[in-house]
Amino acid sequence: MIAGLLFMMGKHFVELYFAQVSFGATYSAAGSPISVLLWVYYSAQIFFWGAELRKVYTKTVGSLRKPAALSISIPRVTYDGR
């Protein structure tokens, strides 16, 4: 929910920015790729922030998923064969 809200806010601010700035005069042909790169950067930051928040939440509170009644444990294998 938070990530969706941040994406909506980012979309709104990008629209406001594009309404105020003309990339054709400032950056000429490089304006469109610059705006796409800014949006990709913003989206990646939201994604990584959400992943980090989920990791901290899982370590603090615990996972919401519980193993099924008939599930088995798979032993962890290391590269040295143990």
N, C-alpha and C. Protein backbone atom coordinates (compact mmCIF):
# COMPACT_ATOMS: atom_id res chain seq x y z
N MET A 1 0.82 -1.18 0.00
CA MET A 1 0.00 0.00 0.00
C MET A 1 0.88 1.26 0.00
N ILE A 2 1.95 1.22 0.78
CA ILE A 2 2.84 2.37 0.85
C ILE A 2 3.55 2.57 -0.49
N ALA A 3 3.99 1.47 -1.10
CA ALA A 3 4.67 1.57 -2.39
C ALA A 3 3.72 2.13 -3.45
N GLY A 4 2.48 1.69 -3.44
CA GLY A 4 1.50 2.23 -4.38
C GLY A 4 1.28 3.72 -4.18
N LEU A 5 1.21 4.14 -2.93
CA LEU A 5 1.06 5.56 -2.62
C LEU A 5 2.27 6.36 -3.11
N LEU A 6 3.46 5.82 -2.89
CA LEU A 6 4.67 6.51 -3.35
C LEU A 6 4.73 6.59 -4.87
N PHE A 7 4.31 5.54 -5.56
CA PHE A 7 4.28 5.57 -7.02
C PHE A 7 3.28 6.64 -7.51
N MET A 8 2.13 6.72 -6.86
CA MET A 8 1.15 7.73 -7.25
C MET A 8 1.68 9.14 -7.01
N MET A 9 2.35 9.34 -5.88
CA MET A 9 2.93 10.65 -5.60
C MET A 9 4.01 10.99 -6.62
N GLY A 10 4.86 10.03 -6.93
CA GLY A 10 5.90 10.25 -7.91
C GLY A 10 5.34 10.58 -9.28
N LYS A 11 4.29 9.88 -9.67
CA LYS A 11 3.65 10.15 -10.95
C LYS A 11 3.10 11.57 -10.98
N HIS A 12 2.48 11.97 -9.88
CA HIS A 12 1.92 13.32 -9.80
C HIS A 12 3.01 14.38 -9.89
N PHE A 13 4.11 14.18 -9.17
CA PHE A 13 5.19 15.17 -9.19
C PHE A 13 5.89 15.22 -10.55
N VAL A 14 6.01 14.08 -11.21
CA VAL A 14 6.61 14.07 -12.54
C VAL A 14 5.70 14.82 -13.52
N GLU A 15 4.38 14.63 -13.40
CA GLU A 15 3.45 15.36 -14.26
C GLU A 15 3.55 16.86 -14.02
N LEU A 16 3.64 17.26 -12.74
CA LEU A 16 3.80 18.69 -12.43
C LEU A 16 5.10 19.24 -13.01
N TYR A 17 6.16 18.46 -12.90
CA TYR A 17 7.46 18.90 -13.41
C TYR A 17 7.42 19.06 -14.92
N PHE A 18 6.82 18.10 -15.61
CA PHE A 18 6.75 18.18 -17.07
C PHE A 18 5.86 19.33 -17.53
N ALA A 19 4.86 19.69 -16.73
CA ALA A 19 4.00 20.81 -17.09
C ALA A 19 4.75 22.14 -16.98
N GLN A 20 5.72 22.22 -16.10
CA GLN A 20 6.45 23.47 -15.87
C GLN A 20 7.70 23.61 -16.73
N VAL A 21 8.33 22.52 -17.10
CA VAL A 21 9.62 22.56 -17.77
C VAL A 21 9.45 22.07 -19.21
N SER A 22 10.07 22.76 -20.13
CA SER A 22 10.07 22.29 -21.51
C SER A 22 11.43 21.66 -21.80
N PHE A 23 11.45 20.37 -21.97
CA PHE A 23 12.70 19.66 -22.22
C PHE A 23 13.28 19.98 -23.59
N GLY A 24 12.44 20.38 -24.52
CA GLY A 24 12.92 20.68 -25.86
C GLY A 24 13.88 21.86 -25.86
N ALA A 25 13.60 22.86 -25.06
CA ALA A 25 14.48 24.03 -25.02
C ALA A 25 15.72 23.77 -24.18
N THR A 26 15.57 23.02 -23.11
CA THR A 26 16.69 22.82 -22.19
C THR A 26 17.64 21.73 -22.66
N TYR A 27 17.10 20.54 -22.96
CA TYR A 27 17.96 19.39 -23.27
C TYR A 27 17.86 18.94 -24.71
N SER A 28 17.05 19.54 -25.51
CA SER A 28 16.77 19.20 -26.91
C SER A 28 16.41 17.72 -27.03
N ALA A 29 17.15 16.94 -27.77
CA ALA A 29 16.78 15.54 -28.02
C ALA A 29 17.03 14.63 -26.83
N ALA A 30 17.83 15.05 -25.88
CA ALA A 30 18.14 14.20 -24.73
C ALA A 30 17.10 14.31 -23.62
N GLY A 31 16.07 15.13 -23.80
CA GLY A 31 15.07 15.34 -22.76
C GLY A 31 14.26 14.10 -22.42
N SER A 32 13.81 13.38 -23.43
CA SER A 32 13.00 12.19 -23.17
C SER A 32 13.78 11.09 -22.46
N PRO A 33 14.98 10.72 -22.91
CA PRO A 33 15.72 9.69 -22.17
C PRO A 33 16.05 10.12 -20.73
N ILE A 34 16.31 11.39 -20.54
CA ILE A 34 16.60 11.86 -19.18
C ILE A 34 15.38 11.68 -18.29
N SER A 35 14.20 12.02 -18.79
CA SER A 35 13.00 11.86 -17.98
C SER A 35 12.70 10.39 -17.71
N VAL A 36 12.93 9.52 -18.68
CA VAL A 36 12.71 8.08 -18.47
C VAL A 36 13.69 7.55 -17.43
N LEU A 37 14.94 7.97 -17.50
CA LEU A 37 15.93 7.52 -16.53
C LEU A 37 15.59 8.02 -15.12
N LEU A 38 15.09 9.24 -15.01
CA LEU A 38 14.68 9.73 -13.69
C LEU A 38 13.53 8.91 -13.12
N TRP A 39 12.56 8.55 -13.98
CA TRP A 39 11.44 7.75 -13.51
C TRP A 39 11.89 6.34 -13.12
N VAL A 40 12.78 5.74 -13.88
CA VAL A 40 13.29 4.41 -13.55
C VAL A 40 14.06 4.45 -12.23
N TYR A 41 14.86 5.49 -12.03
CA TYR A 41 15.60 5.64 -10.78
C TYR A 41 14.64 5.77 -9.60
N TYR A 42 13.63 6.60 -9.74
CA TYR A 42 12.65 6.79 -8.66
C TYR A 42 11.92 5.48 -8.37
N SER A 43 11.50 4.76 -9.40
CA SER A 43 10.80 3.49 -9.21
C SER A 43 11.69 2.46 -8.53
N ALA A 44 12.96 2.41 -8.91
CA ALA A 44 13.89 1.46 -8.29
C ALA A 44 14.10 1.78 -6.82
N GLN A 45 14.17 3.06 -6.48
CA GLN A 45 14.34 3.44 -5.08
C GLN A 45 13.14 3.01 -4.25
N ILE A 46 11.94 3.16 -4.78
CA ILE A 46 10.74 2.71 -4.07
C ILE A 46 10.76 1.20 -3.91
N PHE A 47 11.13 0.48 -4.96
CA PHE A 47 11.18 -0.98 -4.90
C PHE A 47 12.16 -1.46 -3.84
N PHE A 48 13.38 -0.90 -3.85
CA PHE A 48 14.39 -1.33 -2.88
C PHE A 48 14.02 -0.91 -1.46
N TRP A 49 13.41 0.24 -1.30
CA TRP A 49 12.96 0.67 0.02
C TRP A 49 11.90 -0.30 0.56
N GLY A 50 10.97 -0.70 -0.30
CA GLY A 50 9.94 -1.65 0.11
C GLY A 50 10.52 -3.02 0.46
N ALA A 51 11.52 -3.46 -0.30
CA ALA A 51 12.14 -4.75 -0.01
C ALA A 51 12.88 -4.70 1.33
N GLU A 52 13.57 -3.60 1.60
CA GLU A 52 14.28 -3.46 2.86
C GLU A 52 13.30 -3.38 4.03
N LEU A 53 12.21 -2.66 3.85
CA LEU A 53 11.19 -2.56 4.89
C LEU A 53 10.59 -3.93 5.19
N ARG A 54 10.34 -4.71 4.15
CA ARG A 54 9.78 -6.06 4.34
C ARG A 54 10.78 -6.97 5.06
N LYS A 55 12.06 -6.85 4.73
CA LYS A 55 13.08 -7.66 5.38
C LYS A 55 13.16 -7.35 6.88
N VAL A 56 13.16 -6.07 7.21
CA VAL A 56 13.22 -5.66 8.62
C VAL A 56 11.97 -6.10 9.35
N TYR A 57 10.81 -5.96 8.71
CA TYR A 57 9.56 -6.38 9.34
C TYR A 57 9.55 -7.89 9.60
N THR A 58 10.03 -8.66 8.63
CA THR A 58 10.05 -10.12 8.79
C THR A 58 11.01 -10.53 9.90
N LYS A 59 12.17 -9.87 9.99
CA LYS A 59 13.11 -10.21 11.06
C LYS A 59 12.60 -9.78 12.43
N THR A 60 11.85 -8.69 12.49
CA THR A 60 11.36 -8.17 13.76
C THR A 60 10.12 -8.92 14.24
N VAL A 61 9.12 -9.01 13.39
CA VAL A 61 7.84 -9.58 13.77
C VAL A 61 7.76 -11.06 13.42
N GLY A 62 8.37 -11.45 12.34
CA GLY A 62 8.30 -12.83 11.88
C GLY A 62 7.51 -12.90 10.59
N SER A 63 7.61 -14.02 9.95
CA SER A 63 6.93 -14.20 8.68
C SER A 63 5.44 -14.45 8.90
N LEU A 64 4.64 -14.00 7.96
CA LEU A 64 3.20 -14.24 8.02
C LEU A 64 2.84 -15.62 7.51
N ARG A 65 3.75 -16.25 6.78
CA ARG A 65 3.48 -17.58 6.23
C ARG A 65 3.90 -18.65 7.22
N LYS A 66 3.09 -19.66 7.33
CA LYS A 66 3.39 -20.80 8.17
C LYS A 66 3.51 -22.03 7.28
N PRO A 67 4.44 -22.96 7.60
CA PRO A 67 4.56 -24.16 6.77
C PRO A 67 3.31 -25.03 6.88
N ALA A 68 3.03 -25.74 5.80
CA ALA A 68 1.88 -26.64 5.79
C ALA A 68 2.11 -27.79 6.76
N ALA A 69 1.06 -28.47 7.13
CA ALA A 69 1.13 -29.53 8.13
C ALA A 69 2.01 -30.69 7.67
N LEU A 70 2.01 -31.03 6.40
CA LEU A 70 2.78 -32.17 5.90
C LEU A 70 4.08 -31.76 5.21
N SER A 71 4.53 -30.53 5.41
CA SER A 71 5.75 -30.08 4.74
C SER A 71 6.98 -30.70 5.40
N ILE A 72 8.04 -30.84 4.62
CA ILE A 72 9.28 -31.40 5.14
C ILE A 72 10.38 -30.34 5.07
N SER A 73 11.36 -30.48 5.90
CA SER A 73 12.47 -29.53 5.92
C SER A 73 13.55 -30.01 4.96
N ILE A 74 14.07 -29.10 4.14
CA ILE A 74 15.14 -29.43 3.20
C ILE A 74 16.44 -28.95 3.82
N PRO A 75 17.41 -29.87 3.99
CA PRO A 75 18.67 -29.44 4.62
C PRO A 75 19.45 -28.47 3.74
N ARG A 76 20.15 -27.57 4.38
CA ARG A 76 20.94 -26.58 3.65
C ARG A 76 22.25 -27.22 3.21
N VAL A 77 22.59 -27.05 1.93
CA VAL A 77 23.80 -27.62 1.38
C VAL A 77 24.77 -26.50 1.10
N THR A 78 26.01 -26.67 1.55
CA THR A 78 27.05 -25.67 1.27
C THR A 78 27.89 -26.12 0.09
N TYR A 79 28.73 -25.26 -0.42
CA TYR A 79 29.52 -25.57 -1.60
C TYR A 79 30.66 -26.55 -1.31
N ASP A 80 31.06 -26.69 -0.05
CA ASP A 80 32.15 -27.61 0.23
C ASP A 80 31.67 -29.03 0.48
N GLY A 81 30.38 -29.30 0.25
CA GLY A 81 29.86 -30.66 0.32
C GLY A 81 29.29 -31.05 1.67
N ARG A 82 29.29 -30.17 2.64
CA ARG A 82 28.75 -30.53 3.96
C ARG A 82 27.27 -30.32 4.03
